Protein backbone atom coordinates (compact mmCIF):
# COMPACT_ATOMS: atom_id res chain seq x y z
CA UNK A 1 -42.07 76.85 76.09
CA UNK A 2 -44.01 74.77 78.57
CA UNK A 3 -44.37 71.98 75.96
CA UNK A 4 -40.63 71.82 75.39
CA UNK A 5 -39.68 71.46 79.03
CA UNK A 6 -41.61 68.29 79.95
CA UNK A 7 -40.51 66.64 76.71
CA UNK A 8 -36.85 67.47 77.43
CA UNK A 9 -37.09 66.13 80.97
CA UNK A 10 -38.69 62.95 79.66
CA UNK A 11 -35.75 62.39 77.31
CA UNK A 12 -33.26 63.12 80.08
CA UNK A 13 -34.99 60.69 82.42
CA UNK A 14 -35.16 58.04 79.70
CA UNK A 15 -31.47 58.48 78.85
CA UNK A 16 -30.57 58.29 82.56
CA UNK A 17 -32.63 55.12 82.94
CA UNK A 18 -30.87 53.54 79.96
CA UNK A 19 -27.45 54.46 81.39
CA UNK A 20 -28.37 53.00 84.79
CA UNK A 21 -29.68 49.85 83.12
CA UNK A 22 -26.43 49.44 81.15
CA UNK A 23 -24.38 49.92 84.32
CA UNK A 24 -26.48 47.31 86.14
CA UNK A 25 -26.11 44.82 83.27
CA UNK A 26 -22.34 45.41 83.19
CA UNK A 27 -22.07 44.91 86.98
CA UNK A 28 -24.06 41.66 86.86
CA UNK A 29 -21.96 40.40 83.95
CA UNK A 30 -18.74 41.10 85.86
CA UNK A 31 -20.08 39.41 89.00
CA UNK A 32 -21.07 36.28 87.07
CA UNK A 33 -17.70 36.19 85.30
CA UNK A 34 -15.81 36.57 88.60
CA UNK A 35 -17.85 33.75 90.13
CA UNK A 36 -17.13 31.48 87.17
CA UNK A 37 -13.42 32.34 87.35
CA UNK A 38 -13.36 31.55 91.07
CA UNK A 39 -15.09 28.20 90.54
CA UNK A 40 -12.67 27.30 87.72
CA UNK A 41 -9.69 28.35 89.82
CA UNK A 42 -10.86 26.14 92.70
CA UNK A 43 -11.32 23.21 90.32
CA UNK A 44 -7.83 23.71 88.90
CA UNK A 45 -6.32 23.91 92.38
CA UNK A 46 -8.09 20.70 93.41
CA UNK A 47 -7.01 18.88 90.27
CA UNK A 48 -3.42 20.08 90.68
CA UNK A 49 -3.45 18.87 94.28
CA UNK A 50 -4.75 15.47 93.18
CA UNK A 51 -2.05 15.33 90.51
CA UNK A 52 0.66 16.11 93.05
CA UNK A 53 -0.64 13.47 95.46
CA UNK A 54 -0.82 10.82 92.74
CA UNK A 55 2.63 11.80 91.46
CA UNK A 56 4.06 11.53 94.98
CA UNK A 57 2.59 8.04 95.39
CA UNK A 58 4.02 6.97 92.03
CA UNK A 59 7.42 8.40 92.98
CA UNK A 60 7.47 6.66 96.34
CA UNK A 61 6.68 3.32 94.69
CA UNK A 62 9.23 3.88 91.94
CA UNK A 63 11.96 4.94 94.37
CA UNK A 64 11.41 1.99 96.71
CA UNK A 65 14.22 -0.50 97.15
CA UNK A 66 13.29 -3.07 94.51
CA UNK A 67 15.50 -6.14 94.82
CA UNK A 68 14.04 -8.91 92.71
CA UNK A 69 11.55 -9.48 89.90
CA UNK A 70 8.62 -9.94 92.30
CA UNK A 71 9.26 -6.47 93.73
CA UNK A 72 9.18 -4.99 90.23
CA UNK A 73 5.98 -6.83 89.34
CA UNK A 74 4.31 -5.67 92.57
CA UNK A 75 5.48 -2.09 91.96
CA UNK A 76 4.11 -2.14 88.40
CA UNK A 77 0.77 -3.50 89.57
CA UNK A 78 0.55 -0.63 92.08
CA UNK A 79 1.69 2.06 89.65
CA UNK A 80 -0.53 1.09 86.67
CA UNK A 81 -3.84 2.29 88.22
CA UNK A 82 -2.12 5.41 89.56
CA UNK A 83 -0.92 6.29 86.07
CA UNK A 84 -4.50 5.98 84.81
CA UNK A 85 -5.65 8.34 87.59
CA UNK A 86 -2.82 10.71 86.78
CA UNK A 87 -3.75 10.83 83.10
CA UNK A 88 -7.39 11.46 83.98
CA UNK A 89 -6.52 14.31 86.34
CA UNK A 90 -4.18 15.83 83.78
CA UNK A 91 -6.93 15.74 81.15
CA UNK A 92 -9.18 17.74 83.49
CA UNK A 93 -6.79 20.69 83.46
CA UNK A 94 -7.12 23.24 80.67
CA UNK A 95 -4.25 23.10 78.14
CA UNK A 96 -2.40 26.19 79.46
CA UNK A 97 -2.63 24.83 83.01
CA UNK A 98 -1.30 21.45 81.83
CA UNK A 99 1.79 23.14 80.42
CA UNK A 100 2.28 25.22 83.57
CA UNK A 101 1.91 22.14 85.77
CA UNK A 102 4.35 20.23 83.59
CA UNK A 103 6.95 23.01 83.79
CA UNK A 104 6.58 23.46 87.55
CA UNK A 105 6.45 19.79 88.54
CA UNK A 106 8.42 17.73 86.04
CA UNK A 107 11.15 19.82 84.48
CA UNK A 108 12.98 20.34 87.80
CA UNK A 109 12.74 16.61 88.53
CA UNK A 110 14.00 15.76 85.06
CA UNK A 111 17.00 18.05 85.53
CA UNK A 112 17.69 16.45 88.91
CA UNK A 113 17.47 12.97 87.39
CA UNK A 114 19.87 13.93 84.57
CA UNK A 115 22.33 15.31 87.11
CA UNK A 116 22.15 12.11 89.16
CA UNK A 117 22.59 9.96 86.06
CA UNK A 118 25.62 12.05 85.11
CA UNK A 119 27.14 11.46 88.55
CA UNK A 120 26.39 7.77 88.23
CA UNK A 121 28.06 7.59 84.80
CA UNK A 122 31.24 9.16 86.21
CA UNK A 123 31.62 6.53 88.91
CA UNK A 124 34.29 3.93 88.63
CA UNK A 125 34.17 0.47 90.07
CA UNK A 126 35.98 0.12 93.36
CA UNK A 127 37.29 -2.89 95.23
CA UNK A 128 37.73 -4.88 92.07
CA UNK A 129 40.24 -7.67 92.36
CA UNK A 130 41.77 -9.18 89.27
C-alpha cells in the first residue's frame, strides 16, 4: 500500500503540472494574439486617417472654382500625386477593410453627387432672350 501511494501522487502532480503548463501556453498565445490585433488595428486606423486626409485634399482641389484651362491643368498636376498616395494607402488596408472604407466613405458621396446631378438636369435656362 505504501508503494501505491507515492506513485499515485507522482501521477497526480505530473498531470497537474501538465494542466498548468497548457494553461500558461494558452494564456501566452492569447496575449500575443491580442497584441498583434491591437497593432494591426492601430495600423488600419492610421491608414484610414491618411486616406481620409488625402481624399479631403483631392476633394478640395476638385471642388475649387476652376475657370479656365490653366486652372484645370494646375488642379490635375496637384491631384495626380495625391491619387498615387491614395492608391498606396488603400493597398495597405486588408481587403475587408478596403470594402468597409469604400462603403463608409464613397457610397454616401456618390449618392449625394447623383442627387446633385439630378437637380442640375432638372434645371431650365432662365433669362434667355430670343
